[in-house]
Amino acid sequence: MSNPDGGGLEDEHVAGYARSLGLPGLIDIHVHFMPDNVLRKVWAYFESAGPLIGSSWPVAYKLPEPERLDRLASFGVVRHGALNYPHRPGMAEWLNHWSQEFADVHPSSFRCATFYPEPSAERYVKEAIEGGAQLFKAHVQVGAYDPRDAHLKPVWGMLAESGVPVVTHCGSGPTPGVHTGIGPISEVMGANPDLTMIIAHLGTPEYEEFLDLAARYPKVYLDTTMAFTPFTESMSPFPRHLLPRLADLGDRILLGSDFPNIPYPYAVQISALAELGLGDDWTRAVLYGNAAHLMNV
């Protein structure tokens, strides 16, 4: 795929770029694989979201599942998430079963799970952890729930005790939710300081607040999903005076992309990170090393 959205790389060059840095490939923590009926609804939502976010969102990799897996491999992605998330009660456990079966068949995928604030959450999260879940997803914005909900108190506690990371979309981008922003999730971290939390999208647009959170809690990471791309910079630009702080947290920044749901070529994300000028060591850590350490790759 050509790259009309800026950046020095095209998709066919991404794997070679990783090799030029001395890496065995990329680890992309923020990738979505979902049941087909769920993914079709997600794609339809993004493609109709223009009036909400002020920009069109054509899904770049609207492909059958096998082709999406092949495309990731062609980029040099050696391990990746397969994140699911519910938007209503009674959905998370079914998604967890689907995700377990997906990981059983596709060894490049981390074994993923999710949850929703409901009476059964404690049980099925415990089962997922005991079943080998490696990565959870919490979507405060889409789920429209308070992460401090009483049903989630034991869930956060189990995740903290187990050390299993949870990718959490709690920033207010692209549109704010009732419970997005730094306040609710900072209370969750205050109650569970050992929780391994990955803040999705660098916390867009509350970049500074989430960098502060990571500075306070050594197990808070941030993923790069969509950050620094022309698409996101046009709406929520990352303040350049914060780049030294991003460099200082270089061991806790993880590559994320939102593949396949992105409105531009995959290479745009990689180019955007390379062009920050934070150095090859930082880039190597973000593209592979940090996630390899966190996920025991």
Protein backbone atom coordinates (compact mmCIF):
# COMPACT_ATOMS: atom_id res chain seq x y z
CA MET A 1 0.00 0.00 0.00
CA SER A 2 1.35 3.42 -0.93
CA ASN A 3 1.68 6.14 1.67
CA PRO A 4 -0.19 9.31 0.71
CA ASP A 5 -0.45 10.49 4.31
CA GLY A 6 3.12 11.56 4.95
CA GLY A 7 6.12 9.75 6.35
CA GLY A 8 9.17 8.26 4.73
CA LEU A 9 8.09 4.60 4.70
CA GLU A 10 5.63 2.60 2.66
CA ASP A 11 4.09 -0.65 3.84
CA GLU A 12 6.44 -2.81 1.80
CA HIS A 13 9.43 -1.17 3.53
CA VAL A 14 8.36 -1.62 7.16
CA ALA A 15 9.87 -5.08 7.69
CA GLY A 16 13.15 -3.97 6.14
CA TYR A 17 13.22 -0.90 8.37
CA ALA A 18 12.89 -3.12 11.45
CA ARG A 19 15.74 -5.31 10.20
CA SER A 20 17.88 -2.21 9.58
CA LEU A 21 17.57 -1.45 13.30
CA GLY A 22 18.80 -4.94 14.14
CA LEU A 23 15.36 -6.13 15.24
CA PRO A 24 13.83 -9.55 14.58
CA GLY A 25 10.58 -7.76 13.77
CA LEU A 26 7.90 -5.66 15.44
CA ILE A 27 5.66 -6.35 18.42
CA ASP A 28 2.39 -4.47 18.04
CA ILE A 29 0.47 -4.53 21.30
CA HIS A 30 -2.65 -2.77 19.99
CA VAL A 31 -4.10 -4.85 17.16
CA HIS A 32 -7.72 -5.95 16.87
CA PHE A 33 -9.02 -9.34 15.79
CA MET A 34 -12.71 -9.86 16.47
CA PRO A 35 -15.60 -12.09 15.48
CA ASP A 36 -16.67 -11.08 11.96
CA ASN A 37 -20.07 -9.77 12.99
CA VAL A 38 -18.51 -7.57 15.69
CA LEU A 39 -15.76 -6.29 13.41
CA ARG A 40 -18.24 -5.35 10.69
CA LYS A 41 -20.10 -3.20 13.21
CA VAL A 42 -16.86 -1.58 14.34
CA TRP A 43 -15.94 -0.80 10.73
CA ALA A 44 -19.39 0.64 10.06
CA TYR A 45 -19.08 2.84 13.16
CA PHE A 46 -15.70 4.25 12.13
CA GLU A 47 -16.78 4.84 8.56
CA SER A 48 -19.81 6.84 9.75
CA ALA A 49 -17.91 8.71 12.48
CA GLY A 50 -16.84 11.68 10.37
CA PRO A 51 -19.42 14.12 11.74
CA LEU A 52 -18.48 13.15 15.32
CA ILE A 53 -14.73 13.57 14.99
CA GLY A 54 -14.54 16.12 12.19
CA SER A 55 -12.58 13.83 9.88
CA SER A 56 -13.43 10.88 7.65
CA TRP A 57 -12.29 7.46 8.84
CA PRO A 58 -12.09 4.98 5.94
CA VAL A 59 -10.84 1.63 7.26
CA ALA A 60 -7.58 0.92 5.43
CA TYR A 61 -7.41 -2.85 5.94
CA LYS A 62 -10.98 -3.99 5.42
CA LEU A 63 -9.87 -7.49 4.47
CA PRO A 64 -10.79 -11.07 5.30
CA GLU A 65 -9.11 -12.37 8.44
CA PRO A 66 -6.46 -14.53 6.69
CA GLU A 67 -5.40 -11.57 4.56
CA ARG A 68 -5.13 -9.33 7.62
CA LEU A 69 -2.87 -11.88 9.29
CA ASP A 70 -0.75 -12.13 6.15
CA ARG A 71 -0.51 -8.35 5.93
CA LEU A 72 0.76 -8.08 9.51
CA ALA A 73 3.36 -10.75 8.81
CA SER A 74 4.48 -8.85 5.71
CA PHE A 75 5.13 -5.80 7.91
CA GLY A 76 7.45 -7.91 10.04
CA VAL A 77 5.04 -8.06 12.98
CA VAL A 78 6.11 -11.18 14.87
CA ARG A 79 3.73 -10.88 17.85
CA HIS A 80 0.59 -8.83 18.27
CA GLY A 81 -2.50 -8.28 20.34
CA ALA A 82 -5.93 -9.51 19.27
CA LEU A 83 -7.97 -7.09 21.32
CA ASN A 84 -11.72 -7.37 21.83
CA TYR A 85 -13.98 -5.21 23.96
CA PRO A 86 -17.69 -5.28 24.89
CA HIS A 87 -20.15 -2.41 24.77
CA ARG A 88 -22.86 -4.04 26.87
CA PRO A 89 -23.35 -6.68 29.59
CA GLY A 90 -23.27 -10.35 28.64
CA MET A 91 -20.79 -9.89 25.82
CA ALA A 92 -17.32 -10.08 27.38
CA GLU A 93 -17.31 -13.77 28.29
CA TRP A 94 -18.30 -14.77 24.77
CA LEU A 95 -15.54 -12.55 23.35
CA ASN A 96 -13.05 -14.17 25.71
CA HIS A 97 -13.92 -17.64 24.43
CA TRP A 98 -13.52 -16.43 20.85
CA SER A 99 -10.16 -14.82 21.66
CA GLN A 100 -8.85 -17.98 23.32
CA GLU A 101 -9.74 -20.05 20.25
CA PHE A 102 -8.13 -17.45 17.98
CA ALA A 103 -4.86 -17.53 19.94
CA ASP A 104 -4.86 -21.33 19.92
CA VAL A 105 -4.87 -21.29 16.12
CA HIS A 106 -2.61 -18.26 15.55
CA PRO A 107 0.59 -18.37 17.63
CA SER A 108 1.61 -14.85 16.59
CA SER A 109 -1.27 -13.56 18.71
CA PHE A 110 -1.12 -12.91 22.41
CA ARG A 111 -3.87 -14.66 24.35
CA CYS A 112 -6.29 -11.81 25.00
CA ALA A 113 -9.37 -11.21 27.13
CA THR A 114 -11.66 -8.40 28.22
CA PHE A 115 -14.34 -7.54 30.79
CA TYR A 116 -17.33 -5.35 31.56
CA PRO A 117 -18.74 -4.17 34.91
CA GLU A 118 -21.26 -6.92 35.61
CA PRO A 119 -21.81 -9.51 38.37
CA SER A 120 -20.07 -12.29 36.40
CA ALA A 121 -16.92 -10.27 35.68
CA GLU A 122 -14.92 -11.53 38.66
CA ARG A 123 -15.61 -15.16 37.70
CA TYR A 124 -14.81 -14.99 34.01
CA VAL A 125 -11.73 -12.79 34.48
CA LYS A 126 -10.41 -15.30 37.01
CA GLU A 127 -11.07 -18.09 34.49
CA ALA A 128 -9.30 -16.14 31.74
CA ILE A 129 -6.23 -15.55 33.89
CA GLU A 130 -6.11 -19.20 34.94
CA GLY A 131 -6.53 -20.12 31.26
CA GLY A 132 -3.35 -18.26 30.35
CA ALA A 133 -4.59 -14.83 29.28
CA GLN A 134 -1.57 -12.63 28.50
CA LEU A 135 -3.26 -9.32 27.73
CA PHE A 136 -6.59 -7.71 28.61
CA LYS A 137 -8.44 -4.83 26.96
CA ALA A 138 -10.64 -2.32 28.79
CA HIS A 139 -12.45 0.29 26.71
CA VAL A 140 -13.85 2.90 29.06
CA GLN A 141 -15.01 5.08 26.18
CA VAL A 142 -16.91 2.52 24.09
CA GLY A 143 -18.16 0.63 27.14
CA ALA A 144 -19.32 3.93 28.69
CA TYR A 145 -18.61 2.60 32.17
CA ASP A 146 -16.89 3.94 35.24
CA PRO A 147 -13.66 1.99 35.82
CA ARG A 148 -14.27 2.51 39.54
CA ASP A 149 -17.51 0.47 39.32
CA ALA A 150 -17.86 -1.89 42.30
CA HIS A 151 -18.07 -4.91 39.98
CA LEU A 152 -14.57 -4.13 38.73
CA LYS A 153 -12.89 -3.75 42.10
CA PRO A 154 -12.01 -7.49 42.33
CA VAL A 155 -11.11 -7.52 38.63
CA TRP A 156 -8.48 -4.80 38.98
CA GLY A 157 -7.21 -6.55 42.09
CA MET A 158 -6.78 -9.88 40.29
CA LEU A 159 -5.03 -8.21 37.37
CA ALA A 160 -2.66 -6.42 39.72
CA GLU A 161 -1.87 -9.64 41.58
CA SER A 162 -1.39 -11.68 38.40
CA GLY A 163 0.71 -9.07 36.62
CA VAL A 164 -1.26 -9.52 33.39
CA PRO A 165 -1.24 -6.17 31.53
CA VAL A 166 -4.46 -4.42 30.54
CA VAL A 167 -4.60 -2.09 27.53
CA THR A 168 -7.00 0.63 28.62
CA HIS A 169 -8.63 3.24 26.40
CA CYS A 170 -9.37 5.89 28.99
CA GLY A 171 -8.24 9.07 27.24
CA SER A 172 -10.91 11.36 25.82
CA GLY A 173 -9.96 10.96 22.17
CA PRO A 174 -11.32 10.86 19.59
CA THR A 175 -14.46 11.99 21.44
CA PRO A 176 -14.86 12.25 25.22
CA GLY A 177 -16.97 9.82 27.19
CA VAL A 178 -18.70 10.21 30.53
CA HIS A 179 -15.85 8.45 32.38
CA THR A 180 -12.81 9.19 30.18
CA GLY A 181 -9.95 11.41 31.23
CA ILE A 182 -7.32 11.08 33.91
CA GLY A 183 -9.56 11.24 36.99
CA PRO A 184 -11.31 7.85 37.12
CA ILE A 185 -8.37 5.73 36.00
CA SER A 186 -5.95 7.53 38.32
CA GLU A 187 -8.19 6.45 41.21
CA VAL A 188 -8.02 2.86 39.95
CA MET A 189 -4.22 3.08 39.92
CA GLY A 190 -4.20 4.65 43.36
CA ALA A 191 -6.15 1.67 44.70
CA ASN A 192 -4.04 -0.84 42.71
CA PRO A 193 -0.50 0.57 42.42
CA ASP A 194 0.88 -2.78 41.23
CA LEU A 195 -1.50 -2.92 38.27
CA THR A 196 0.26 -3.23 34.91
CA MET A 197 -1.71 -0.67 32.93
CA ILE A 198 -1.07 0.19 29.27
CA ILE A 199 -2.65 3.53 28.42
CA ALA A 200 -3.89 3.32 24.83
CA HIS A 201 -3.20 6.10 22.33
CA LEU A 202 -0.70 7.75 24.72
CA GLY A 203 -3.84 8.98 26.51
CA THR A 204 -4.90 11.22 23.59
CA PRO A 205 -5.60 14.09 24.04
CA GLU A 206 -4.60 14.22 27.74
CA TYR A 207 -0.97 13.46 26.93
CA GLU A 208 0.63 15.33 29.80
CA GLU A 209 -1.75 13.97 32.41
CA PHE A 210 -1.05 10.38 31.40
CA LEU A 211 2.69 10.97 31.26
CA ASP A 212 2.31 12.20 34.84
CA LEU A 213 0.48 8.98 35.72
CA ALA A 214 3.30 6.90 34.25
CA ALA A 215 5.84 8.94 36.20
CA ARG A 216 3.98 8.14 39.44
CA TYR A 217 3.46 4.41 38.82
CA PRO A 218 6.33 2.28 37.49
CA LYS A 219 3.95 -0.31 36.03
CA VAL A 220 2.06 2.18 33.85
CA TYR A 221 2.99 1.97 30.17
CA LEU A 222 1.68 3.93 27.18
CA ASP A 223 1.09 2.64 23.67
CA THR A 224 1.65 4.74 20.58
CA THR A 225 -1.60 3.86 18.83
CA MET A 226 -2.35 6.52 16.21
CA ALA A 227 -0.21 9.08 18.05
CA PHE A 228 1.97 11.40 15.94
CA THR A 229 0.26 10.38 12.69
CA PRO A 230 -1.02 13.24 10.50
CA PHE A 231 -4.57 12.01 11.19
CA THR A 232 -4.27 12.45 14.95
CA GLU A 233 -2.00 15.48 14.82
CA SER A 234 -4.68 17.34 12.86
CA MET A 235 -7.10 16.92 15.79
CA SER A 236 -4.99 16.41 18.93
CA PRO A 237 -1.35 17.32 18.30
CA PHE A 238 1.20 15.99 20.75
CA PRO A 239 2.89 18.98 22.46
CA ARG A 240 6.50 18.95 21.32
CA HIS A 241 7.72 20.27 24.66
CA LEU A 242 6.71 16.87 26.10
CA LEU A 243 9.06 14.89 23.84
CA PRO A 244 11.89 14.87 26.43
CA ARG A 245 9.49 13.26 28.89
CA LEU A 246 8.56 10.67 26.29
CA ALA A 247 12.25 9.99 25.81
CA ASP A 248 12.79 9.64 29.57
CA LEU A 249 9.97 7.05 29.70
CA GLY A 250 11.50 5.18 26.78
CA ASP A 251 11.39 1.82 28.54
CA ARG A 252 7.61 2.08 28.99
CA ILE A 253 6.44 3.13 25.55
CA LEU A 254 5.01 0.31 23.41
CA LEU A 255 4.20 0.13 19.73
CA GLY A 256 0.47 0.16 19.06
CA SER A 257 -1.28 0.76 15.74
CA ASP A 258 -5.04 -0.04 15.90
CA PHE A 259 -4.62 -2.28 12.83
CA PRO A 260 -6.79 -3.02 10.88
CA ASN A 261 -9.10 -0.15 11.83
CA ILE A 262 -6.77 2.70 10.86
CA PRO A 263 -7.63 5.29 8.19
CA TYR A 264 -4.12 5.29 6.65
CA PRO A 265 -1.36 2.80 5.74
CA TYR A 266 0.35 0.92 8.57
CA ALA A 267 3.68 2.46 7.61
CA VAL A 268 2.42 5.90 8.64
CA GLN A 269 2.57 4.89 12.31
CA ILE A 270 6.10 3.54 12.00
CA SER A 271 7.27 6.61 10.07
CA ALA A 272 5.72 8.93 12.64
CA LEU A 273 7.71 7.29 15.44
CA ALA A 274 10.96 7.18 13.47
CA GLU A 275 10.66 10.86 12.62
CA LEU A 276 10.37 12.01 16.25
CA GLY A 277 14.15 12.11 16.36
CA LEU A 278 14.44 10.32 19.73
CA GLY A 279 17.20 8.03 18.50
CA ASP A 280 17.58 4.47 17.30
CA ASP A 281 17.84 3.02 20.80
CA TRP A 282 14.49 4.57 21.77
CA THR A 283 12.93 3.40 18.50
CA ARG A 284 14.24 -0.15 18.90
CA ALA A 285 12.84 -0.32 22.42
CA VAL A 286 9.42 0.96 21.35
CA LEU A 287 9.11 -1.22 18.25
CA TYR A 288 10.21 -4.43 19.93
CA GLY A 289 12.30 -4.45 23.08
CA ASN A 290 9.88 -3.03 25.63
CA ALA A 291 7.03 -5.31 24.64
CA ALA A 292 9.37 -8.30 24.42
CA HIS A 293 10.39 -7.68 28.03
CA LEU A 294 6.86 -6.99 29.28
CA MET A 295 5.27 -9.93 27.47
CA ASN A 296 8.15 -12.39 27.99
CA VAL A 297 8.66 -12.87 24.27
